[in-house]
Amino acid sequence: MNSPLINRLIDELGYPLLDDDNFEGFIEQTPISVLFLTEDPKRFPESLDVAVILPELIKQFPQLTPAVVSEDIQTACRGRYNFMAWPALVFLKHGQYLDAITKVQNWDDYVHEINRILTLEPRPDPGIGIPVVFNPVSKSCGQ
């Protein structure tokens, strides 16, 4: 990752960095995960704000297990989870999609939305509508 604030999540706080090799295993084995997708923080500086907010959200919701998604597979993940803005927090239950929160929100909005998300039943990954077959050499968001 190319930001000290995002690197801190990985290096100091121990959030896993997910890539093609460990993505599926992590999400399937984790009861409730929140995936942080940043895109390029230079293009989307709100990612830096979320990098500061996310550890506080984890303190508020200790049942969440956070991870940072490698830049290499973020575009594929965007297609898989169909969120429309960066940065994104994608919530999964044993690898199954719950919902996503995009952009920076007010604290009360985060708390309200996460409480709502935690009551949801998992559903199929939303995707973009038409199934995409990924080239095995390309980055594929774990699929």
C-alpha atoms as a PDB file:
ATOM      1  CA  MET A   1       0.000   0.000   0.000  1.00  0.00           C
ATOM      2  CA  ASN A   2       1.285   3.474  -0.665  1.00  0.00           C
ATOM      3  CA  SER A   3       0.145   5.385   2.405  1.00  0.00           C
ATOM      4  CA  PRO A   4       1.577   5.477   5.922  1.00  0.00           C
ATOM      5  CA  LEU A   5      -1.947   5.550   7.414  1.00  0.00           C
ATOM      6  CA  ILE A   6      -3.012   2.463   5.492  1.00  0.00           C
ATOM      7  CA  ASN A   7       0.320   0.720   6.115  1.00  0.00           C
ATOM      8  CA  ARG A   8      -0.207   1.324   9.844  1.00  0.00           C
ATOM      9  CA  LEU A   9      -3.322  -0.849   9.734  1.00  0.00           C
ATOM     10  CA  ILE A  10      -1.233  -3.730   8.408  1.00  0.00           C
ATOM     11  CA  ASP A  11       2.119  -3.177  10.110  1.00  0.00           C
ATOM     12  CA  GLU A  12       1.104  -1.899  13.546  1.00  0.00           C
ATOM     13  CA  LEU A  13      -2.460  -3.086  14.042  1.00  0.00           C
ATOM     14  CA  GLY A  14      -1.975  -6.453  12.352  1.00  0.00           C
ATOM     15  CA  TYR A  15      -4.800  -6.256   9.825  1.00  0.00           C
ATOM     16  CA  PRO A  16      -4.234  -8.902   7.150  1.00  0.00           C
ATOM     17  CA  LEU A  17      -3.444  -7.720   3.636  1.00  0.00           C
ATOM     18  CA  LEU A  18      -5.615  -9.788   1.324  1.00  0.00           C
ATOM     19  CA  ASP A  19      -4.534 -10.786  -2.150  1.00  0.00           C
ATOM     20  CA  ASP A  20      -5.379 -13.574  -4.603  1.00  0.00           C
ATOM     21  CA  ASP A  21      -3.559 -16.123  -2.458  1.00  0.00           C
ATOM     22  CA  ASN A  22      -5.322 -15.554   0.864  1.00  0.00           C
ATOM     23  CA  PHE A  23      -8.573 -13.748   0.044  1.00  0.00           C
ATOM     24  CA  GLU A  24     -11.023 -16.665  -0.121  1.00  0.00           C
ATOM     25  CA  GLY A  25      -9.509 -18.476   2.853  1.00  0.00           C
ATOM     26  CA  PHE A  26      -9.725 -15.370   5.025  1.00  0.00           C
ATOM     27  CA  ILE A  27     -13.310 -14.457   4.201  1.00  0.00           C
ATOM     28  CA  GLU A  28     -14.614 -18.017   4.489  1.00  0.00           C
ATOM     29  CA  GLN A  29     -12.948 -18.625   7.870  1.00  0.00           C
ATOM     30  CA  THR A  30     -13.882 -15.282   9.415  1.00  0.00           C
ATOM     31  CA  PRO A  31     -17.265 -15.083  11.166  1.00  0.00           C
ATOM     32  CA  ILE A  32     -17.825 -11.393  10.319  1.00  0.00           C
ATOM     33  CA  SER A  33     -15.245  -9.542   8.264  1.00  0.00           C
ATOM     34  CA  VAL A  34     -14.989  -5.958   7.138  1.00  0.00           C
ATOM     35  CA  LEU A  35     -12.845  -5.472   4.059  1.00  0.00           C
ATOM     36  CA  PHE A  36     -11.244  -2.074   3.536  1.00  0.00           C
ATOM     37  CA  LEU A  37     -10.897  -1.161  -0.147  1.00  0.00           C
ATOM     38  CA  THR A  38      -8.973   2.057  -0.636  1.00  0.00           C
ATOM     39  CA  GLU A  39      -8.223   2.423  -4.337  1.00  0.00           C
ATOM     40  CA  ASP A  40      -5.413   4.979  -4.760  1.00  0.00           C
ATOM     41  CA  PRO A  41      -5.458   7.333  -1.754  1.00  0.00           C
ATOM     42  CA  LYS A  42      -3.972  10.082  -3.930  1.00  0.00           C
ATOM     43  CA  ARG A  43      -7.047   9.912  -6.163  1.00  0.00           C
ATOM     44  CA  PHE A  44      -9.437   9.162  -3.281  1.00  0.00           C
ATOM     45  CA  PRO A  45      -8.077  10.943  -0.199  1.00  0.00           C
ATOM     46  CA  GLU A  46     -11.132   9.918   1.843  1.00  0.00           C
ATOM     47  CA  SER A  47      -9.396   6.545   2.078  1.00  0.00           C
ATOM     48  CA  LEU A  48      -6.985   8.128   4.525  1.00  0.00           C
ATOM     49  CA  ASP A  49      -9.873   9.310   6.695  1.00  0.00           C
ATOM     50  CA  VAL A  50     -11.362   5.824   6.718  1.00  0.00           C
ATOM     51  CA  ALA A  51      -7.935   4.408   7.619  1.00  0.00           C
ATOM     52  CA  VAL A  52      -8.123   6.486  10.808  1.00  0.00           C
ATOM     53  CA  ILE A  53     -11.803   5.718  11.491  1.00  0.00           C
ATOM     54  CA  LEU A  54     -11.672   1.945  10.910  1.00  0.00           C
ATOM     55  CA  PRO A  55      -9.718   1.063  14.091  1.00  0.00           C
ATOM     56  CA  GLU A  56     -12.240   3.062  16.113  1.00  0.00           C
ATOM     57  CA  LEU A  57     -15.089   1.173  14.457  1.00  0.00           C
ATOM     58  CA  ILE A  58     -13.402  -2.104  15.387  1.00  0.00           C
ATOM     59  CA  LYS A  59     -13.259  -0.941  19.014  1.00  0.00           C
ATOM     60  CA  GLN A  60     -16.991  -0.171  18.840  1.00  0.00           C
ATOM     61  CA  PHE A  61     -17.789  -3.461  17.058  1.00  0.00           C
ATOM     62  CA  PRO A  62     -15.267  -6.036  18.289  1.00  0.00           C
ATOM     63  CA  GLN A  63     -17.137  -8.837  16.522  1.00  0.00           C
ATOM     64  CA  LEU A  64     -15.788  -7.458  13.218  1.00  0.00           C
ATOM     65  CA  THR A  65     -12.486  -8.752  11.884  1.00  0.00           C
ATOM     66  CA  PRO A  66     -10.887  -6.151   9.606  1.00  0.00           C
ATOM     67  CA  ALA A  67      -8.654  -6.700   6.597  1.00  0.00           C
ATOM     68  CA  VAL A  68      -7.121  -4.467   3.954  1.00  0.00           C
ATOM     69  CA  VAL A  69      -7.589  -5.555   0.349  1.00  0.00           C
ATOM     70  CA  SER A  70      -4.493  -5.360  -1.836  1.00  0.00           C
ATOM     71  CA  GLU A  71      -4.606  -2.735  -4.548  1.00  0.00           C
ATOM     72  CA  ASP A  72      -3.949  -5.519  -7.070  1.00  0.00           C
ATOM     73  CA  ILE A  73      -7.408  -7.055  -6.610  1.00  0.00           C
ATOM     74  CA  GLN A  74      -9.528  -4.067  -5.632  1.00  0.00           C
ATOM     75  CA  THR A  75     -11.012  -3.503  -9.079  1.00  0.00           C
ATOM     76  CA  ALA A  76     -12.109  -7.143  -9.270  1.00  0.00           C
ATOM     77  CA  CYS A  77     -13.566  -6.859  -5.767  1.00  0.00           C
ATOM     78  CA  ARG A  78     -15.503  -3.793  -6.818  1.00  0.00           C
ATOM     79  CA  GLY A  79     -17.067  -5.883  -9.565  1.00  0.00           C
ATOM     80  CA  ARG A  80     -17.772  -8.760  -7.197  1.00  0.00           C
ATOM     81  CA  TYR A  81     -19.381  -6.586  -4.497  1.00  0.00           C
ATOM     82  CA  ASN A  82     -20.800  -3.887  -6.792  1.00  0.00           C
ATOM     83  CA  PHE A  83     -20.088  -0.810  -4.705  1.00  0.00           C
ATOM     84  CA  MET A  84     -20.169   2.484  -6.528  1.00  0.00           C
ATOM     85  CA  ALA A  85     -17.674   4.734  -4.716  1.00  0.00           C
ATOM     86  CA  TRP A  86     -14.278   4.641  -3.029  1.00  0.00           C
ATOM     87  CA  PRO A  87     -13.248   3.992  -0.320  1.00  0.00           C
ATOM     88  CA  ALA A  88     -15.448   1.059   0.662  1.00  0.00           C
ATOM     89  CA  LEU A  89     -15.993  -1.116   3.692  1.00  0.00           C
ATOM     90  CA  VAL A  90     -17.485  -4.448   2.605  1.00  0.00           C
ATOM     91  CA  PHE A  91     -19.113  -6.594   5.291  1.00  0.00           C
ATOM     92  CA  LEU A  92     -19.180 -10.379   4.977  1.00  0.00           C
ATOM     93  CA  LYS A  93     -20.386 -13.236   7.158  1.00  0.00           C
ATOM     94  CA  HIS A  94     -18.307 -16.393   6.593  1.00  0.00           C
ATOM     95  CA  GLY A  95     -17.513 -15.051   3.138  1.00  0.00           C
ATOM     96  CA  GLN A  96     -21.089 -14.241   2.219  1.00  0.00           C
ATOM     97  CA  TYR A  97     -22.075 -10.683   1.392  1.00  0.00           C
ATOM     98  CA  LEU A  98     -23.978  -8.546   3.891  1.00  0.00           C
ATOM     99  CA  ASP A  99     -23.579  -4.971   2.621  1.00  0.00           C
ATOM    100  CA  ALA A 100     -21.093  -2.157   2.015  1.00  0.00           C
ATOM    101  CA  ILE A 101     -20.522   1.376   3.230  1.00  0.00           C
ATOM    102  CA  THR A 102     -18.765   3.733   0.842  1.00  0.00           C
ATOM    103  CA  LYS A 103     -17.054   7.078   1.264  1.00  0.00           C
ATOM    104  CA  VAL A 104     -16.533   8.757   4.623  1.00  0.00           C
ATOM    105  CA  GLN A 105     -19.565   8.914   6.895  1.00  0.00           C
ATOM    106  CA  ASN A 106     -20.398  10.680  10.132  1.00  0.00           C
ATOM    107  CA  TRP A 107     -19.708   8.558  13.201  1.00  0.00           C
ATOM    108  CA  ASP A 108     -23.413   8.189  14.023  1.00  0.00           C
ATOM    109  CA  ASP A 109     -24.099   7.063  10.463  1.00  0.00           C
ATOM    110  CA  TYR A 110     -21.384   4.415  10.697  1.00  0.00           C
ATOM    111  CA  VAL A 111     -22.784   3.133  13.986  1.00  0.00           C
ATOM    112  CA  HIS A 112     -26.355   3.063  12.658  1.00  0.00           C
ATOM    113  CA  GLU A 113     -25.374   1.379   9.384  1.00  0.00           C
ATOM    114  CA  ILE A 114     -23.128  -1.242  10.977  1.00  0.00           C
ATOM    115  CA  ASN A 115     -25.813  -2.109  13.516  1.00  0.00           C
ATOM    116  CA  ARG A 116     -28.249  -2.523  10.601  1.00  0.00           C
ATOM    117  CA  ILE A 117     -25.769  -4.575   8.576  1.00  0.00           C
ATOM    118  CA  LEU A 118     -25.130  -6.929  11.482  1.00  0.00           C
ATOM    119  CA  THR A 119     -28.839  -7.856  11.514  1.00  0.00           C
ATOM    120  CA  LEU A 120     -28.874  -8.842   7.828  1.00  0.00           C
ATOM    121  CA  GLU A 121     -28.884 -12.346   6.464  1.00  0.00           C
ATOM    122  CA  PRO A 122     -26.076 -13.087   3.993  1.00  0.00           C
ATOM    123  CA  ARG A 123     -26.976 -12.947   0.332  1.00  0.00           C
ATOM    124  CA  PRO A 124     -25.192 -13.729  -2.932  1.00  0.00           C
ATOM    125  CA  ASP A 125     -22.427 -11.366  -3.997  1.00  0.00           C
ATOM    126  CA  PRO A 126     -24.237  -8.594  -5.866  1.00  0.00           C
ATOM    127  CA  GLY A 127     -21.876  -8.471  -8.860  1.00  0.00           C
ATOM    128  CA  ILE A 128     -22.686  -6.223 -11.757  1.00  0.00           C
ATOM    129  CA  GLY A 129     -25.302  -8.410 -13.390  1.00  0.00           C
ATOM    130  CA  ILE A 130     -23.515 -10.310 -16.121  1.00  0.00           C
ATOM    131  CA  PRO A 131     -21.126 -12.953 -14.775  1.00  0.00           C
ATOM    132  CA  VAL A 132     -17.543 -12.154 -15.669  1.00  0.00           C
ATOM    133  CA  VAL A 133     -15.027 -14.890 -16.355  1.00  0.00           C
ATOM    134  CA  PHE A 134     -11.675 -13.730 -15.062  1.00  0.00           C
ATOM    135  CA  ASN A 135      -8.466 -14.523 -16.896  1.00  0.00           C
ATOM    136  CA  PRO A 136      -6.516 -16.830 -14.543  1.00  0.00           C
ATOM    137  CA  VAL A 137      -3.476 -14.603 -14.964  1.00  0.00           C
ATOM    138  CA  SER A 138      -5.423 -11.496 -13.950  1.00  0.00           C
ATOM    139  CA  LYS A 139      -6.211 -10.382 -10.430  1.00  0.00           C
ATOM    140  CA  SER A 140      -9.536 -11.864  -9.444  1.00  0.00           C
ATOM    141  CA  CYS A 141     -10.621 -10.932  -5.905  1.00  0.00           C
ATOM    142  CA  GLY A 142     -10.215 -14.499  -4.766  1.00  0.00           C
ATOM    143  CA  GLN A 143     -12.487 -16.084  -7.365  1.00  0.00           C
END
